[in-house]
Amino acid sequence: MAHAFVTRADLHSTVQPERGARVTRKPTNVSLPSDLLERARELNVNVSRASERGLREEVQEVEARQWAEQNAELVKAYTAMVEREGLPLAKYRTF
């Protein structure tokens, strides 16, 4: 079975396409449990779209986790500053 290799740039372009932009689709091979595939076909589920949705969610979760790891020190420093000095522009809050 052939496997598709997808770069981070390829995933990023499919995760958040520009509004009105045409997204290029690429055929790929995916292994799925046969019972699940059979149920999906019985229910007329578009397997490509469902797979895309799942992959999109997974990519976003991984990117969010990576961002949190890469920016942990910044978040920690900002939190400490807010605890020490309060929220910036707090005097303008109306609630």
Protein backbone atom coordinates (compact mmCIF):
# COMPACT_ATOMS: atom_id res chain seq x y z
CA MET A 1 0.00 0.00 0.00
CA ALA A 2 1.32 3.47 -0.87
CA HIS A 3 1.48 6.16 1.77
CA ALA A 4 1.19 9.88 1.21
CA PHE A 5 3.75 12.18 2.77
CA VAL A 6 2.33 15.55 3.66
CA THR A 7 4.46 18.51 4.66
CA ARG A 8 3.51 21.01 7.37
CA ALA A 9 3.07 23.64 4.64
CA ASP A 10 0.59 21.37 2.83
CA LEU A 11 -1.41 20.90 6.03
CA HIS A 12 -1.37 24.58 6.90
CA SER A 13 -2.76 25.48 3.50
CA THR A 14 -5.64 23.03 3.99
CA VAL A 15 -6.29 23.92 7.60
CA GLN A 16 -7.19 27.54 6.98
CA PRO A 17 -7.62 28.37 3.31
CA GLU A 18 -8.15 32.00 2.48
CA ARG A 19 -11.76 32.96 2.08
CA GLY A 20 -12.86 32.25 -1.47
CA ALA A 21 -9.59 30.48 -2.27
CA ARG A 22 -9.77 27.21 -4.14
CA VAL A 23 -8.23 24.33 -2.20
CA THR A 24 -6.30 21.82 -4.26
CA ARG A 25 -7.14 18.25 -3.37
CA LYS A 26 -4.73 15.36 -3.67
CA PRO A 27 -5.70 11.69 -3.77
CA THR A 28 -4.17 9.63 -0.99
CA ASN A 29 -4.43 6.16 0.50
CA VAL A 30 -5.80 5.76 4.01
CA SER A 31 -6.29 2.57 5.99
CA LEU A 32 -9.59 2.42 7.87
CA PRO A 33 -11.29 -0.35 9.83
CA SER A 34 -13.45 -2.23 7.33
CA ASP A 35 -16.53 -2.26 9.58
CA LEU A 36 -16.37 1.50 9.99
CA LEU A 37 -15.95 2.03 6.26
CA GLU A 38 -18.90 -0.26 5.55
CA ARG A 39 -21.13 1.61 8.05
CA ALA A 40 -20.09 4.94 6.55
CA ARG A 41 -20.99 3.77 3.05
CA GLU A 42 -24.35 2.43 4.24
CA LEU A 43 -25.09 5.85 5.72
CA ASN A 44 -23.85 7.70 2.61
CA VAL A 45 -21.11 9.43 4.58
CA ASN A 46 -18.60 11.22 2.38
CA VAL A 47 -15.46 9.49 3.63
CA SER A 48 -13.11 12.06 2.08
CA ARG A 49 -14.88 14.98 3.76
CA ALA A 50 -15.15 13.16 7.09
CA SER A 51 -11.43 12.27 6.94
CA GLU A 52 -10.57 15.87 6.08
CA ARG A 53 -12.58 17.14 9.03
CA GLY A 54 -10.86 14.71 11.41
CA LEU A 55 -7.41 15.50 10.06
CA ARG A 56 -8.11 19.24 10.25
CA GLU A 57 -9.10 18.93 13.93
CA GLU A 58 -6.04 16.81 14.73
CA VAL A 59 -3.68 19.26 13.01
CA GLN A 60 -5.22 22.20 14.89
CA GLU A 61 -4.86 20.37 18.21
CA VAL A 62 -1.21 19.53 17.54
CA GLU A 63 -0.45 23.10 16.42
CA ALA A 64 -2.16 24.51 19.54
CA ARG A 65 -0.16 22.15 21.77
CA GLN A 66 3.09 23.11 20.02
CA TRP A 67 2.26 26.82 20.35
CA ALA A 68 1.58 26.37 24.08
CA GLU A 69 4.88 24.54 24.54
CA GLN A 70 6.86 27.09 22.54
CA ASN A 71 5.30 30.06 24.33
CA ALA A 72 5.05 28.66 27.86
CA GLU A 73 7.66 31.08 29.23
CA LEU A 74 5.93 34.07 27.64
CA VAL A 75 2.55 33.04 29.06
CA LYS A 76 4.12 32.48 32.49
CA ALA A 77 5.79 35.92 32.40
CA TYR A 78 2.60 37.66 31.25
CA THR A 79 0.56 35.93 33.95
CA ALA A 80 3.06 37.01 36.59
CA MET A 81 2.95 40.61 35.29
CA VAL A 82 -0.86 40.66 35.41
CA GLU A 83 -0.83 39.27 38.95
CA ARG A 84 1.72 41.89 39.97
CA GLU A 85 0.37 44.94 38.08
CA GLY A 86 -3.19 44.04 37.13
CA LEU A 87 -4.67 43.93 33.66
CA PRO A 88 -3.35 46.42 31.13
CA LEU A 89 -6.02 49.01 30.31
CA ALA A 90 -8.17 47.80 33.23
CA LYS A 91 -9.17 51.38 33.98
CA TYR A 92 -11.08 51.46 30.69
CA ARG A 93 -13.18 48.38 31.45
CA THR A 94 -16.92 48.96 31.60
CA PHE A 95 -17.80 45.69 33.30
